[in-house]
Amino acid sequence: MVGLETRMAVSSGGRARLKIAADAAQIEQLLINILHNAVDASLETGGKVTAGWRELGDVVEVFVRDEGPGIMNPENVFVPFFTTKPGGSGIGLRLSRQIAEAHSGSLSLANRKDRTGCEALLRLPR
């Protein structure tokens, strides 16, 4: 997914191969959505984006961290049709969360504690 982003270089890390039981097209769309949002945010501030994954027992965590301005209205992040982007539809994150939940997983977004920016965290069962 990182290679699809052409607006900035995204650093990535994690194990080379990891298998999960999931609909590849849906998970790909979810990852595109959160990566696109992270790059949008980081382009505002000149920050970086990092993506990676790790195994935690029977769960796989995929994270995307940006160095953008952070989330201004965290309570509205997953509200359908709420957007802060000019021309945005407000459905990308809501759809992404629904995809995660349909795979018995979760998607959360939170402001980073170590610096400005946001972390999207996708958790899926192995």
N, C-alpha and C. Protein backbone atom coordinates (compact mmCIF):
# COMPACT_ATOMS: atom_id res chain seq x y z
N MET A 1 0.83 -1.19 0.00
CA MET A 1 0.00 0.00 0.00
C MET A 1 0.87 1.26 0.00
N VAL A 2 2.00 1.17 0.71
CA VAL A 2 2.88 2.32 0.82
C VAL A 2 3.37 2.76 -0.56
N GLY A 3 3.62 1.80 -1.44
CA GLY A 3 4.11 2.11 -2.77
C GLY A 3 3.09 2.81 -3.65
N LEU A 4 1.81 2.72 -3.30
CA LEU A 4 0.77 3.39 -4.08
C LEU A 4 0.71 4.89 -3.82
N GLU A 5 1.24 5.32 -2.70
CA GLU A 5 1.20 6.75 -2.36
C GLU A 5 2.33 7.46 -3.09
N THR A 6 1.97 8.41 -3.94
CA THR A 6 2.96 9.11 -4.75
C THR A 6 3.24 10.53 -4.30
N ARG A 7 2.46 11.05 -3.36
CA ARG A 7 2.64 12.45 -2.97
C ARG A 7 3.79 12.65 -2.00
N MET A 8 4.17 11.61 -1.28
CA MET A 8 5.32 11.68 -0.38
C MET A 8 5.81 10.28 -0.09
N ALA A 9 7.06 10.18 0.29
CA ALA A 9 7.61 8.88 0.69
C ALA A 9 7.05 8.51 2.06
N VAL A 10 6.60 7.29 2.19
CA VAL A 10 6.07 6.79 3.46
C VAL A 10 7.00 5.69 3.93
N SER A 11 7.53 5.85 5.14
CA SER A 11 8.40 4.79 5.66
C SER A 11 7.55 3.68 6.24
N SER A 12 8.04 2.46 6.09
CA SER A 12 7.27 1.32 6.58
C SER A 12 8.19 0.32 7.24
N GLY A 13 7.60 -0.46 8.10
CA GLY A 13 8.35 -1.50 8.79
C GLY A 13 7.40 -2.56 9.28
N GLY A 14 7.93 -3.71 9.55
CA GLY A 14 7.12 -4.83 10.02
C GLY A 14 7.67 -6.10 9.43
N ARG A 15 7.07 -7.18 9.79
CA ARG A 15 7.51 -8.47 9.24
C ARG A 15 7.20 -8.50 7.76
N ALA A 16 8.03 -9.18 7.03
CA ALA A 16 7.89 -9.22 5.57
C ALA A 16 6.58 -9.89 5.14
N ARG A 17 6.22 -10.98 5.77
CA ARG A 17 5.00 -11.70 5.38
C ARG A 17 4.13 -11.95 6.59
N LEU A 18 2.85 -11.73 6.38
CA LEU A 18 1.89 -11.93 7.44
C LEU A 18 0.58 -12.33 6.79
N LYS A 19 -0.05 -13.40 7.27
CA LYS A 19 -1.31 -13.85 6.68
C LYS A 19 -2.44 -13.65 7.67
N ILE A 20 -3.56 -13.16 7.11
CA ILE A 20 -4.79 -13.05 7.88
C ILE A 20 -5.93 -13.54 6.99
N ALA A 21 -7.00 -13.97 7.60
CA ALA A 21 -8.19 -14.37 6.85
C ALA A 21 -9.06 -13.13 6.68
N ALA A 22 -9.05 -12.56 5.46
CA ALA A 22 -9.78 -11.31 5.24
C ALA A 22 -10.07 -11.14 3.76
N ASP A 23 -11.01 -10.27 3.46
CA ASP A 23 -11.29 -9.89 2.09
C ASP A 23 -10.22 -8.89 1.67
N ALA A 24 -9.33 -9.31 0.79
CA ALA A 24 -8.17 -8.49 0.42
C ALA A 24 -8.57 -7.13 -0.15
N ALA A 25 -9.61 -7.09 -0.99
CA ALA A 25 -10.02 -5.83 -1.60
C ALA A 25 -10.54 -4.85 -0.55
N GLN A 26 -11.29 -5.36 0.41
CA GLN A 26 -11.82 -4.47 1.46
C GLN A 26 -10.71 -3.95 2.37
N ILE A 27 -9.81 -4.82 2.77
CA ILE A 27 -8.71 -4.38 3.64
C ILE A 27 -7.81 -3.41 2.88
N GLU A 28 -7.61 -3.66 1.60
CA GLU A 28 -6.82 -2.74 0.78
C GLU A 28 -7.47 -1.36 0.77
N GLN A 29 -8.79 -1.30 0.60
CA GLN A 29 -9.50 -0.01 0.59
C GLN A 29 -9.36 0.69 1.93
N LEU A 30 -9.48 -0.04 3.01
CA LEU A 30 -9.31 0.52 4.35
C LEU A 30 -7.91 1.14 4.48
N LEU A 31 -6.90 0.38 4.09
CA LEU A 31 -5.52 0.86 4.22
C LEU A 31 -5.26 2.07 3.33
N ILE A 32 -5.82 2.06 2.12
CA ILE A 32 -5.70 3.23 1.25
C ILE A 32 -6.31 4.45 1.92
N ASN A 33 -7.49 4.29 2.52
CA ASN A 33 -8.17 5.42 3.17
C ASN A 33 -7.34 6.01 4.30
N ILE A 34 -6.83 5.17 5.19
CA ILE A 34 -6.10 5.73 6.34
C ILE A 34 -4.74 6.27 5.92
N LEU A 35 -4.11 5.65 4.94
CA LEU A 35 -2.83 6.16 4.46
C LEU A 35 -3.01 7.49 3.74
N HIS A 36 -4.05 7.59 2.93
CA HIS A 36 -4.35 8.84 2.21
C HIS A 36 -4.61 9.98 3.20
N ASN A 37 -5.39 9.70 4.24
CA ASN A 37 -5.67 10.72 5.25
C ASN A 37 -4.40 11.15 5.97
N ALA A 38 -3.54 10.20 6.28
CA ALA A 38 -2.28 10.52 6.97
C ALA A 38 -1.39 11.41 6.11
N VAL A 39 -1.31 11.10 4.83
CA VAL A 39 -0.49 11.91 3.93
C VAL A 39 -1.10 13.30 3.78
N ASP A 40 -2.43 13.38 3.63
CA ASP A 40 -3.09 14.70 3.57
C ASP A 40 -2.70 15.55 4.77
N ALA A 41 -2.77 14.96 5.96
CA ALA A 41 -2.46 15.69 7.19
C ALA A 41 -1.00 16.11 7.24
N SER A 42 -0.11 15.22 6.87
CA SER A 42 1.32 15.53 6.94
C SER A 42 1.75 16.55 5.89
N LEU A 43 1.08 16.57 4.76
CA LEU A 43 1.40 17.57 3.75
C LEU A 43 1.08 18.98 4.25
N GLU A 44 0.09 19.09 5.15
CA GLU A 44 -0.26 20.40 5.73
C GLU A 44 0.89 20.97 6.55
N THR A 45 1.64 20.10 7.21
CA THR A 45 2.66 20.55 8.16
C THR A 45 4.09 20.26 7.71
N GLY A 46 4.24 19.56 6.60
CA GLY A 46 5.58 19.16 6.17
C GLY A 46 6.13 18.00 6.97
N GLY A 47 5.23 17.27 7.64
CA GLY A 47 5.64 16.13 8.46
C GLY A 47 5.81 14.86 7.67
N LYS A 48 6.04 13.78 8.39
CA LYS A 48 6.28 12.46 7.79
C LYS A 48 5.12 11.52 8.11
N VAL A 49 5.10 10.39 7.39
CA VAL A 49 4.13 9.32 7.64
C VAL A 49 4.90 8.02 7.77
N THR A 50 4.53 7.25 8.78
CA THR A 50 5.13 5.94 9.03
C THR A 50 4.02 4.91 9.12
N ALA A 51 4.22 3.77 8.49
CA ALA A 51 3.25 2.68 8.56
C ALA A 51 3.98 1.40 8.94
N GLY A 52 3.29 0.53 9.63
CA GLY A 52 3.90 -0.74 10.00
C GLY A 52 2.88 -1.68 10.58
N TRP A 53 3.35 -2.84 10.99
CA TRP A 53 2.47 -3.85 11.57
C TRP A 53 3.26 -4.70 12.54
N ARG A 54 2.50 -5.34 13.40
CA ARG A 54 3.10 -6.23 14.39
C ARG A 54 2.06 -7.27 14.80
N GLU A 55 2.56 -8.40 15.28
CA GLU A 55 1.70 -9.45 15.79
C GLU A 55 1.68 -9.37 17.30
N LEU A 56 0.50 -9.43 17.87
CA LEU A 56 0.35 -9.47 19.33
C LEU A 56 -0.56 -10.65 19.66
N GLY A 57 0.05 -11.80 19.86
CA GLY A 57 -0.74 -13.01 20.13
C GLY A 57 -1.59 -13.37 18.94
N ASP A 58 -2.91 -13.39 19.14
CA ASP A 58 -3.82 -13.76 18.06
C ASP A 58 -4.36 -12.55 17.31
N VAL A 59 -3.70 -11.40 17.47
CA VAL A 59 -4.13 -10.16 16.84
C VAL A 59 -2.99 -9.59 16.00
N VAL A 60 -3.35 -9.00 14.88
CA VAL A 60 -2.40 -8.25 14.06
C VAL A 60 -2.78 -6.78 14.18
N GLU A 61 -1.80 -5.96 14.48
CA GLU A 61 -2.02 -4.51 14.54
C GLU A 61 -1.30 -3.86 13.36
N VAL A 62 -2.03 -3.04 12.63
CA VAL A 62 -1.47 -2.24 11.55
C VAL A 62 -1.62 -0.79 11.98
N PHE A 63 -0.52 -0.05 11.92
CA PHE A 63 -0.60 1.35 12.34
C PHE A 63 -0.12 2.27 11.23
N VAL A 64 -0.72 3.44 11.18
CA VAL A 64 -0.29 4.51 10.29
C VAL A 64 -0.20 5.76 11.16
N ARG A 65 1.00 6.31 11.26
CA ARG A 65 1.24 7.49 12.09
C ARG A 65 1.63 8.66 11.19
N ASP A 66 0.99 9.79 11.43
CA ASP A 66 1.35 10.98 10.68
C ASP A 66 1.87 12.06 11.62
N GLU A 67 2.46 13.08 11.03
CA GLU A 67 2.96 14.23 11.77
C GLU A 67 2.20 15.48 11.32
N GLY A 68 0.92 15.31 11.11
CA GLY A 68 0.05 16.42 10.73
C GLY A 68 -0.38 17.21 11.96
N PRO A 69 -1.43 18.01 11.82
CA PRO A 69 -1.89 18.86 12.93
C PRO A 69 -2.64 18.11 14.03
N GLY A 70 -2.98 16.86 13.81
CA GLY A 70 -3.76 16.11 14.79
C GLY A 70 -5.24 16.22 14.52
N ILE A 71 -6.02 15.54 15.33
CA ILE A 71 -7.48 15.51 15.16
C ILE A 71 -8.08 16.65 15.97
N MET A 72 -8.77 17.54 15.29
CA MET A 72 -9.38 18.69 15.97
C MET A 72 -10.70 18.32 16.67
N ASN A 73 -11.48 17.44 16.05
CA ASN A 73 -12.78 17.03 16.59
C ASN A 73 -12.84 15.51 16.68
N PRO A 74 -12.16 14.91 17.68
CA PRO A 74 -12.10 13.45 17.72
C PRO A 74 -13.46 12.77 17.83
N GLU A 75 -14.44 13.44 18.42
CA GLU A 75 -15.75 12.81 18.56
C GLU A 75 -16.49 12.69 17.23
N ASN A 76 -16.04 13.42 16.20
CA ASN A 76 -16.72 13.38 14.91
C ASN A 76 -15.99 12.55 13.86
N VAL A 77 -14.89 11.94 14.21
CA VAL A 77 -14.04 11.25 13.22
C VAL A 77 -14.81 10.20 12.42
N PHE A 78 -15.68 9.44 13.07
CA PHE A 78 -16.39 8.37 12.39
C PHE A 78 -17.86 8.70 12.10
N VAL A 79 -18.23 9.96 12.26
CA VAL A 79 -19.60 10.39 11.97
C VAL A 79 -19.77 10.47 10.46
N PRO A 80 -20.78 9.78 9.91
CA PRO A 80 -20.97 9.81 8.45
C PRO A 80 -21.19 11.24 7.95
N PHE A 81 -20.54 11.55 6.85
CA PHE A 81 -20.65 12.81 6.13
C PHE A 81 -20.02 14.00 6.85
N PHE A 82 -19.37 13.78 8.00
CA PHE A 82 -18.61 14.86 8.64
C PHE A 82 -17.23 14.89 8.01
N THR A 83 -16.81 16.05 7.55
CA THR A 83 -15.49 16.19 6.95
C THR A 83 -14.90 17.55 7.26
N THR A 84 -13.60 17.59 7.32
CA THR A 84 -12.90 18.87 7.48
C THR A 84 -12.16 19.22 6.18
N LYS A 85 -12.27 18.34 5.19
CA LYS A 85 -11.55 18.54 3.92
C LYS A 85 -12.46 19.24 2.91
N PRO A 86 -11.96 20.26 2.25
CA PRO A 86 -12.74 20.84 1.15
C PRO A 86 -12.98 19.78 0.08
N GLY A 87 -14.21 19.58 -0.29
CA GLY A 87 -14.54 18.57 -1.29
C GLY A 87 -14.59 17.15 -0.75
N GLY A 88 -14.39 16.97 0.56
CA GLY A 88 -14.43 15.64 1.14
C GLY A 88 -15.85 15.14 1.29
N SER A 89 -16.02 13.82 1.31
CA SER A 89 -17.36 13.24 1.42
C SER A 89 -17.73 12.86 2.85
N GLY A 90 -16.73 12.65 3.69
CA GLY A 90 -17.02 12.25 5.06
C GLY A 90 -17.43 10.80 5.22
N ILE A 91 -17.11 9.96 4.25
CA ILE A 91 -17.49 8.54 4.37
C ILE A 91 -16.29 7.60 4.45
N GLY A 92 -15.09 8.07 4.16
CA GLY A 92 -13.92 7.19 4.11
C GLY A 92 -13.61 6.51 5.43
N LEU A 93 -13.55 7.27 6.51
CA LEU A 93 -13.23 6.66 7.81
C LEU A 93 -14.38 5.81 8.33
N ARG A 94 -15.60 6.24 8.10
CA ARG A 94 -16.76 5.46 8.53
C ARG A 94 -16.77 4.11 7.82
N LEU A 95 -16.56 4.12 6.51
CA LEU A 95 -16.48 2.89 5.74
C LEU A 95 -15.33 2.02 6.22
N SER A 96 -14.19 2.64 6.50
CA SER A 96 -13.02 1.89 6.97
C SER A 96 -13.32 1.19 8.29
N ARG A 97 -13.99 1.87 9.19
CA ARG A 97 -14.35 1.25 10.48
C ARG A 97 -15.32 0.08 10.26
N GLN A 98 -16.27 0.26 9.36
CA GLN A 98 -17.22 -0.82 9.08
C GLN A 98 -16.51 -2.04 8.50
N ILE A 99 -15.53 -1.81 7.64
CA ILE A 99 -14.75 -2.92 7.08
C ILE A 99 -14.01 -3.65 8.20
N ALA A 100 -13.37 -2.90 9.08
CA ALA A 100 -12.65 -3.52 10.20
C ALA A 100 -13.59 -4.36 11.06
N GLU A 101 -14.74 -3.80 11.40
CA GLU A 101 -15.70 -4.51 12.25
C GLU A 101 -16.28 -5.73 11.55
N ALA A 102 -16.47 -5.66 10.23
CA ALA A 102 -16.97 -6.81 9.47
C ALA A 102 -15.96 -7.96 9.48
N HIS A 103 -14.71 -7.65 9.77
CA HIS A 103 -13.66 -8.67 9.88
C HIS A 103 -13.35 -9.00 11.34
N SER A 104 -14.30 -8.70 12.24
CA SER A 104 -14.14 -8.93 13.69
C SER A 104 -12.96 -8.16 14.27
N GLY A 105 -12.67 -7.03 13.68
CA GLY A 105 -11.58 -6.19 14.15
C GLY A 105 -12.06 -4.83 14.60
N SER A 106 -11.11 -3.91 14.69
CA SER A 106 -11.45 -2.55 15.10
C SER A 106 -10.51 -1.56 14.42
N LEU A 107 -10.98 -0.33 14.32
CA LEU A 107 -10.17 0.77 13.79
C LEU A 107 -10.35 1.94 14.73
N SER A 108 -9.24 2.48 15.20
CA SER A 108 -9.30 3.66 16.06
C SER A 108 -8.34 4.71 15.53
N LEU A 109 -8.65 5.96 15.83
CA LEU A 109 -7.78 7.08 15.50
C LEU A 109 -7.63 7.91 16.76
N ALA A 110 -6.41 8.33 17.03
CA ALA A 110 -6.15 9.13 18.23
C ALA A 110 -4.98 10.07 17.95
N ASN A 111 -5.00 11.19 18.63
CA ASN A 111 -3.86 12.10 18.56
C ASN A 111 -2.66 11.42 19.20
N ARG A 112 -1.51 11.65 18.60
CA ARG A 112 -0.28 11.06 19.11
C ARG A 112 0.12 11.74 20.41
N LYS A 113 0.73 10.99 21.29
CA LYS A 113 1.20 11.53 22.57
C LYS A 113 2.66 11.98 22.49
N ASP A 114 3.42 11.41 21.54
CA ASP A 114 4.84 11.70 21.45
C ASP A 114 5.16 12.93 20.61
N ARG A 115 4.19 13.42 19.83
CA ARG A 115 4.40 14.58 18.96
C ARG A 115 3.05 14.97 18.36
N THR A 116 3.01 16.03 17.57
CA THR A 116 1.75 16.35 16.90
C THR A 116 1.48 15.30 15.84
N GLY A 117 0.23 15.10 15.57
CA GLY A 117 -0.15 14.13 14.56
C GLY A 117 -1.16 13.15 15.10
N CYS A 118 -1.43 12.14 14.29
CA CYS A 118 -2.46 11.16 14.58
C CYS A 118 -1.92 9.76 14.33
N GLU A 119 -2.50 8.79 15.03
CA GLU A 119 -2.21 7.38 14.75
C GLU A 119 -3.52 6.67 14.47
N ALA A 120 -3.57 6.01 13.33
CA ALA A 120 -4.67 5.12 13.01
C ALA A 120 -4.19 3.71 13.36
N LEU A 121 -5.04 2.98 14.09
CA LEU A 121 -4.66 1.64 14.53
C LEU A 121 -5.75 0.65 14.14
N LEU A 122 -5.38 -0.26 13.26
CA LEU A 122 -6.27 -1.32 12.81
C LEU A 122 -5.88 -2.59 13.53
N ARG A 123 -6.85 -3.25 14.17
CA ARG A 123 -6.60 -4.51 14.86
C ARG A 123 -7.48 -5.57 14.22
N LEU A 124 -6.84 -6.66 13.78
CA LEU A 124 -7.56 -7.76 13.13
C LEU A 124 -7.14 -9.09 13.75
N PRO A 125 -8.07 -10.03 13.85
CA PRO A 125 -7.70 -11.36 14.36
C PRO A 125 -6.86 -12.09 13.32
N ARG A 126 -5.96 -12.93 13.82
CA ARG A 126 -5.13 -13.76 12.92
C ARG A 126 -5.86 -15.03 12.56
